[in-house]
């Protein structure tokens, strides 16, 4: 049995009055109080950082039990903001069953999610890293970080062992998706194969070499459906510009679609294009509506 999830932080350093001249907006005591973590001030960089080693569940990488010191520590760092008092950046160490509940908790508290990916191979249990960012007051940002920590604690208290599946009903052995309603909802023609159905929407980018890259070069948004009309899954990839990422993520999570990765596929392209991968379960038409809603907020270019 693993130990209950505990907030374990770095030892707080004494903040000399001179340190606050560079960071008057940072209320370190308030951040520590709200997050439940101890922090450390970096006077040279004018940042205040709280950390929590992920020590509640043992993690083995390639058969070696890995100490948190080697890269399994959740952290959030605060510094002076531009539009608001402070900016926060951080990296949360999460298991698969924590990722999407934590993402929703962050969104509900005004924190953006900027990347989601792995840092290791052959780890057990699988570990993901969620990078976050936001601006606001010390209190607002600290509450956002605390909401994520509380969600992790809630999940691990319910089950000390990370889940290895979404825990949903099995899909039919043979797919029988009806494509026409999906086409009508999304507003794009699709392709059928072996009872599955897929819609692909191309975008364009100019690569660093000056070459154009479009739909068939991988700059595309797609949604693939399998299962039956009443018991379906959708998986896919959204190609988004930087200012489209947050509204699309929020829209998909609002529709209870799981986000499984956020990263880049290219370097040097213009405009910069990010890719988010997703996985959802439900009726095929409801899943198509979820994709359509995300496409709609992407088109509007909203930031929240």
Protein backbone atom coordinates (compact mmCIF):
# COMPACT_ATOMS: atom_id res chain seq x y z
CA UNK A 1 0.00 0.00 0.00
CA UNK A 2 1.21 3.47 -0.77
CA UNK A 3 1.11 6.29 1.69
CA UNK A 4 -1.68 8.91 1.42
CA UNK A 5 -0.89 11.83 -0.83
CA UNK A 6 0.91 14.49 1.18
CA UNK A 7 2.00 18.00 0.44
CA UNK A 8 5.77 17.90 0.73
CA UNK A 9 7.63 21.07 -0.11
CA UNK A 10 11.02 22.66 -0.05
CA UNK A 11 12.21 24.29 3.13
CA UNK A 12 11.16 27.92 3.13
CA UNK A 13 13.98 30.42 3.12
CA UNK A 14 13.94 33.60 5.12
CA UNK A 15 12.93 36.48 2.85
CA UNK A 16 15.04 39.53 3.58
CA UNK A 17 13.35 42.94 3.17
CA UNK A 18 15.68 43.79 0.30
CA UNK A 19 14.39 40.87 -1.69
CA UNK A 20 10.93 42.37 -1.83
CA UNK A 21 12.16 45.48 -3.62
CA UNK A 22 12.39 43.43 -6.81
CA UNK A 23 9.14 41.50 -6.31
CA UNK A 24 6.60 43.65 -4.43
CA UNK A 25 3.63 41.82 -6.02
CA UNK A 26 4.60 38.40 -4.67
CA UNK A 27 2.88 37.58 -1.40
CA UNK A 28 5.00 34.56 -0.48
CA UNK A 29 3.20 33.95 2.79
CA UNK A 30 -0.16 33.93 1.01
CA UNK A 31 1.13 31.58 -1.71
CA UNK A 32 2.48 29.16 0.89
CA UNK A 33 -0.70 29.35 2.94
CA UNK A 34 -3.02 28.70 -0.01
CA UNK A 35 -0.98 26.05 -1.83
CA UNK A 36 0.06 24.25 1.36
CA UNK A 37 3.62 24.15 0.06
CA UNK A 38 6.80 25.81 1.28
CA UNK A 39 8.66 27.99 -1.19
CA UNK A 40 12.00 29.47 -2.02
CA UNK A 41 12.88 32.94 -3.27
CA UNK A 42 15.40 33.43 -6.06
CA UNK A 43 16.42 37.06 -5.58
CA UNK A 44 18.49 37.16 -8.78
CA UNK A 45 15.54 36.11 -10.96
CA UNK A 46 12.89 37.73 -8.73
CA UNK A 47 10.88 34.52 -8.54
CA UNK A 48 9.20 32.57 -5.77
CA UNK A 49 8.90 28.81 -6.34
CA UNK A 50 6.95 26.14 -4.50
CA UNK A 51 7.65 22.46 -5.08
CA UNK A 52 6.20 19.08 -4.23
CA UNK A 53 8.16 15.88 -4.88
CA UNK A 54 5.84 13.20 -6.28
CA UNK A 55 6.54 10.71 -3.52
CA UNK A 56 3.06 9.29 -2.84
CA UNK A 57 3.35 6.57 -5.53
CA UNK A 58 6.59 4.76 -6.35
CA UNK A 59 7.59 5.20 -10.00
CA UNK A 60 10.01 2.86 -11.75
CA UNK A 61 11.75 3.88 -14.98
CA UNK A 62 13.22 0.98 -16.94
CA UNK A 63 12.96 -1.12 -13.79
CA UNK A 64 14.70 1.42 -11.54
CA UNK A 65 12.70 3.02 -8.73
CA UNK A 66 13.23 6.69 -9.45
CA UNK A 67 13.67 9.27 -6.66
CA UNK A 68 11.65 12.49 -7.14
CA UNK A 69 14.96 14.42 -7.24
CA UNK A 70 15.63 12.92 -10.69
CA UNK A 71 12.74 14.76 -12.33
CA UNK A 72 9.52 13.74 -10.58
CA UNK A 73 8.72 16.99 -8.79
CA UNK A 74 5.65 19.18 -9.29
CA UNK A 75 6.48 22.87 -9.11
CA UNK A 76 5.02 26.34 -9.68
CA UNK A 77 7.08 29.52 -9.93
CA UNK A 78 5.75 33.06 -9.53
CA UNK A 79 7.24 36.28 -10.88
CA UNK A 80 6.15 39.80 -11.81
CA UNK A 81 3.46 39.88 -14.50
CA UNK A 82 2.80 42.26 -17.38
CA UNK A 83 -0.99 42.43 -17.58
CA UNK A 84 -1.55 41.49 -13.92
CA UNK A 85 0.44 41.47 -10.70
CA UNK A 86 2.05 38.08 -11.22
CA UNK A 87 2.74 35.37 -13.74
CA UNK A 88 2.91 31.70 -12.81
CA UNK A 89 4.60 28.91 -14.73
CA UNK A 90 4.87 25.32 -13.63
CA UNK A 91 5.05 21.62 -14.35
CA UNK A 92 2.73 19.08 -12.73
CA UNK A 93 3.71 15.40 -12.41
CA UNK A 94 0.54 13.41 -13.09
CA UNK A 95 -0.72 9.90 -13.69
CA UNK A 96 -3.10 9.12 -16.54
CA UNK A 97 -6.24 9.14 -14.38
CA UNK A 98 -5.29 12.55 -12.96
CA UNK A 99 -4.56 14.43 -16.18
CA UNK A 100 -8.02 15.44 -17.34
CA UNK A 101 -9.62 16.11 -13.93
CA UNK A 102 -6.62 18.29 -13.06
CA UNK A 103 -6.83 20.09 -16.41
CA UNK A 104 -10.49 20.92 -15.81
CA UNK A 105 -9.69 22.14 -12.27
CA UNK A 106 -7.00 24.45 -13.66
CA UNK A 107 -9.36 25.86 -16.30
CA UNK A 108 -12.03 26.48 -13.66
CA UNK A 109 -9.47 28.55 -11.75
CA UNK A 110 -8.13 30.61 -14.67
CA UNK A 111 -4.88 28.71 -15.29
CA UNK A 112 -3.81 27.79 -18.83
CA UNK A 113 -2.35 24.43 -19.86
CA UNK A 114 0.48 24.88 -22.37
CA UNK A 115 1.86 21.36 -22.89
CA UNK A 116 1.14 17.75 -21.99
CA UNK A 117 3.63 15.01 -22.73
CA UNK A 118 5.89 12.27 -21.38
CA UNK A 119 9.43 12.75 -20.09
CA UNK A 120 10.42 9.08 -19.88
CA UNK A 121 10.15 5.68 -21.58
CA UNK A 122 9.27 2.39 -19.86
CA UNK A 123 8.03 3.96 -16.66
CA UNK A 124 5.55 2.17 -14.39
CA UNK A 125 3.05 3.58 -13.74
CA UNK A 126 2.96 5.88 -16.76
CA UNK A 127 3.71 9.49 -15.87
CA UNK A 128 2.75 12.64 -17.75
CA UNK A 129 3.88 16.21 -17.33
CA UNK A 130 1.45 19.10 -17.60
CA UNK A 131 2.96 22.54 -18.09
CA UNK A 132 0.90 25.50 -16.89
CA UNK A 133 0.87 29.28 -17.16
CA UNK A 134 -1.27 32.17 -15.99
CA UNK A 135 -1.43 35.77 -14.81
CA UNK A 136 -3.24 37.28 -11.85
CA UNK A 137 -2.83 38.09 -8.17
CA UNK A 138 -0.87 35.95 -5.72
CA UNK A 139 -4.15 34.73 -4.25
CA UNK A 140 -5.78 33.85 -7.58
CA UNK A 141 -2.80 31.98 -8.98
CA UNK A 142 -2.12 30.16 -5.72
CA UNK A 143 -5.74 29.02 -5.61
CA UNK A 144 -5.36 27.68 -9.16
CA UNK A 145 -2.30 25.65 -8.19
CA UNK A 146 -4.01 24.44 -5.01
CA UNK A 147 -7.06 23.31 -7.00
CA UNK A 148 -4.81 21.06 -9.09
CA UNK A 149 -3.10 19.64 -6.00
CA UNK A 150 -6.43 19.02 -4.30
CA UNK A 151 -7.76 17.18 -7.33
CA UNK A 152 -4.72 14.89 -7.35
CA UNK A 153 -5.16 14.27 -3.63
CA UNK A 154 -8.85 13.46 -4.11
CA UNK A 155 -8.11 10.94 -6.87
CA UNK A 156 -5.31 9.19 -5.00
CA UNK A 157 -7.29 9.02 -1.77
CA UNK A 158 -10.05 7.25 -3.70
CA UNK A 159 -7.51 4.80 -5.14
CA UNK A 160 -3.83 4.69 -4.22
CA UNK A 161 -3.06 2.80 -7.44
CA UNK A 162 -3.32 4.79 -10.70
CA UNK A 163 -5.93 3.44 -13.10
CA UNK A 164 -4.89 1.66 -16.29
CA UNK A 165 -8.06 2.39 -18.26
CA UNK A 166 -10.84 4.95 -18.53
CA UNK A 167 -13.10 2.36 -16.88
CA UNK A 168 -15.81 2.54 -19.55
CA UNK A 169 -17.80 -0.21 -21.25
CA UNK A 170 -16.20 -2.26 -24.02
CA UNK A 171 -16.64 -1.22 -27.64
CA UNK A 172 -18.27 -3.53 -30.18
CA UNK A 173 -15.87 -5.94 -31.86
CA UNK A 174 -16.91 -4.63 -35.28
CA UNK A 175 -17.48 -0.96 -36.03
CA UNK A 176 -20.70 0.28 -37.64
CA UNK A 177 -20.53 4.07 -37.56
CA UNK A 178 -23.06 5.98 -39.67
CA UNK A 179 -21.06 8.73 -41.35
CA UNK A 180 -23.77 10.99 -42.76
CA UNK A 181 -24.89 12.51 -39.42
CA UNK A 182 -21.26 13.19 -38.51
CA UNK A 183 -20.68 14.97 -41.83
CA UNK A 184 -23.79 17.07 -41.29
CA UNK A 185 -22.79 18.06 -37.75
CA UNK A 186 -19.14 18.88 -38.46
CA UNK A 187 -19.90 20.35 -41.88
CA UNK A 188 -17.12 18.47 -43.64
CA UNK A 189 -17.10 15.36 -45.87
CA UNK A 190 -15.43 12.26 -44.45
CA UNK A 191 -14.08 8.86 -45.39
CA UNK A 192 -15.43 5.46 -44.33
CA UNK A 193 -13.44 2.26 -43.80
CA UNK A 194 -14.49 -1.04 -42.18
CA UNK A 195 -17.36 0.62 -40.32
CA UNK A 196 -15.21 3.51 -39.07
CA UNK A 197 -15.51 7.12 -40.20
CA UNK A 198 -12.95 9.94 -40.35
CA UNK A 199 -13.13 13.66 -41.08
CA UNK A 200 -9.95 15.60 -41.89
CA UNK A 201 -9.69 19.40 -42.13
CA UNK A 202 -6.52 20.88 -43.58
CA UNK A 203 -4.60 23.99 -42.56
CA UNK A 204 -1.55 25.65 -44.07
CA UNK A 205 1.88 26.58 -42.75
CA UNK A 206 5.08 27.80 -44.33
CA UNK A 207 8.12 25.86 -43.22
CA UNK A 208 11.51 27.37 -42.41
CA UNK A 209 12.79 26.24 -45.81
CA UNK A 210 10.07 28.33 -47.48
CA UNK A 211 8.05 25.26 -48.48
CA UNK A 212 4.30 25.19 -48.03
CA UNK A 213 2.82 22.44 -45.86
CA UNK A 214 -0.87 21.63 -45.87
CA UNK A 215 -3.38 18.89 -45.20
CA UNK A 216 -1.49 15.94 -46.67
CA UNK A 217 1.80 17.11 -45.16
CA UNK A 218 0.29 16.70 -41.70
CA UNK A 219 -1.01 20.19 -40.96
CA UNK A 220 -4.56 19.16 -40.24
CA UNK A 221 -7.30 18.64 -37.70
CA UNK A 222 -8.97 15.23 -37.80
CA UNK A 223 -11.58 13.18 -35.97
CA UNK A 224 -11.92 9.40 -36.36
CA UNK A 225 -14.96 7.49 -35.08
CA UNK A 226 -15.23 3.76 -34.27
CA UNK A 227 -17.63 1.47 -32.44
CA UNK A 228 -21.37 1.83 -32.93
CA UNK A 229 -23.56 4.91 -33.18
CA UNK A 230 -24.70 4.49 -29.56
CA UNK A 231 -21.35 3.28 -28.17
CA UNK A 232 -18.59 5.11 -30.01
CA UNK A 233 -15.16 6.52 -29.52
CA UNK A 234 -13.57 9.49 -31.21
CA UNK A 235 -9.87 10.14 -31.35
CA UNK A 236 -8.04 12.79 -33.24
CA UNK A 237 -5.77 15.77 -33.44
CA UNK A 238 -6.45 19.50 -33.48
CA UNK A 239 -3.94 21.70 -35.32
CA UNK A 240 -4.20 25.07 -33.55
CA UNK A 241 -2.46 28.42 -33.56
CA UNK A 242 -1.11 29.59 -30.23
CA UNK A 243 -4.08 31.84 -29.44
CA UNK A 244 -6.49 29.02 -30.32
CA UNK A 245 -5.04 26.42 -27.94
CA UNK A 246 -6.77 27.44 -24.71
CA UNK A 247 -10.31 27.87 -26.14
CA UNK A 248 -10.11 24.52 -27.94
CA UNK A 249 -8.82 22.73 -24.84
CA UNK A 250 -11.53 24.28 -22.69
CA UNK A 251 -14.24 23.41 -25.19
CA UNK A 252 -13.20 19.76 -25.42
CA UNK A 253 -12.99 19.39 -21.65
CA UNK A 254 -16.40 21.05 -21.28
CA UNK A 255 -17.70 18.29 -23.56
CA UNK A 256 -15.95 15.68 -21.37
CA UNK A 257 -13.47 14.78 -24.10
CA UNK A 258 -10.08 13.68 -22.74
CA UNK A 259 -6.88 15.46 -23.76
CA UNK A 260 -3.97 13.03 -24.10
CA UNK A 261 -1.13 15.17 -25.52
CA UNK A 262 -0.25 18.79 -26.34
CA UNK A 263 2.96 19.40 -28.27
CA UNK A 264 4.56 20.58 -31.51
CA UNK A 265 5.01 18.53 -34.68
CA UNK A 266 7.29 20.94 -36.52
CA UNK A 267 9.94 23.60 -35.97
CA UNK A 268 10.33 26.96 -37.64
CA UNK A 269 6.88 26.99 -39.25
CA UNK A 270 4.82 30.16 -39.70
CA UNK A 271 2.36 30.60 -38.19
CA UNK A 272 3.44 28.51 -35.23
CA UNK A 273 1.14 25.50 -35.03
CA UNK A 274 0.55 23.32 -31.99
CA UNK A 275 -1.17 19.95 -31.89
CA UNK A 276 -3.45 18.52 -29.25
CA UNK A 277 -4.54 14.90 -29.29
CA UNK A 278 -7.83 13.78 -27.76
CA UNK A 279 -9.96 10.73 -26.95
CA UNK A 280 -13.68 10.67 -26.21
CA UNK A 281 -16.43 8.12 -25.61
CA UNK A 282 -20.19 8.35 -26.07
CA UNK A 283 -22.77 8.44 -28.83
CA UNK A 284 -21.21 9.24 -32.22
CA UNK A 285 -23.43 12.28 -32.78
CA UNK A 286 -22.64 13.69 -29.33
CA UNK A 287 -18.92 13.22 -29.96
CA UNK A 288 -19.30 14.95 -33.34
CA UNK A 289 -21.03 17.83 -31.56
CA UNK A 290 -18.07 18.09 -29.18
CA UNK A 291 -15.65 18.30 -32.11
CA UNK A 292 -17.90 20.87 -33.82
CA UNK A 293 -18.02 23.03 -30.69
CA UNK A 294 -14.22 23.03 -30.45
CA UNK A 295 -13.95 23.96 -34.13
CA UNK A 296 -16.37 26.83 -33.52
CA UNK A 297 -14.36 28.41 -30.69
CA UNK A 298 -11.20 27.92 -32.72
CA UNK A 299 -12.73 29.87 -35.57
CA UNK A 300 -13.80 32.67 -33.23
CA UNK A 301 -10.24 32.87 -31.89
CA UNK A 302 -11.34 33.31 -28.29
CA UNK A 303 -8.68 33.14 -25.60
CA UNK A 304 -10.83 31.84 -22.76
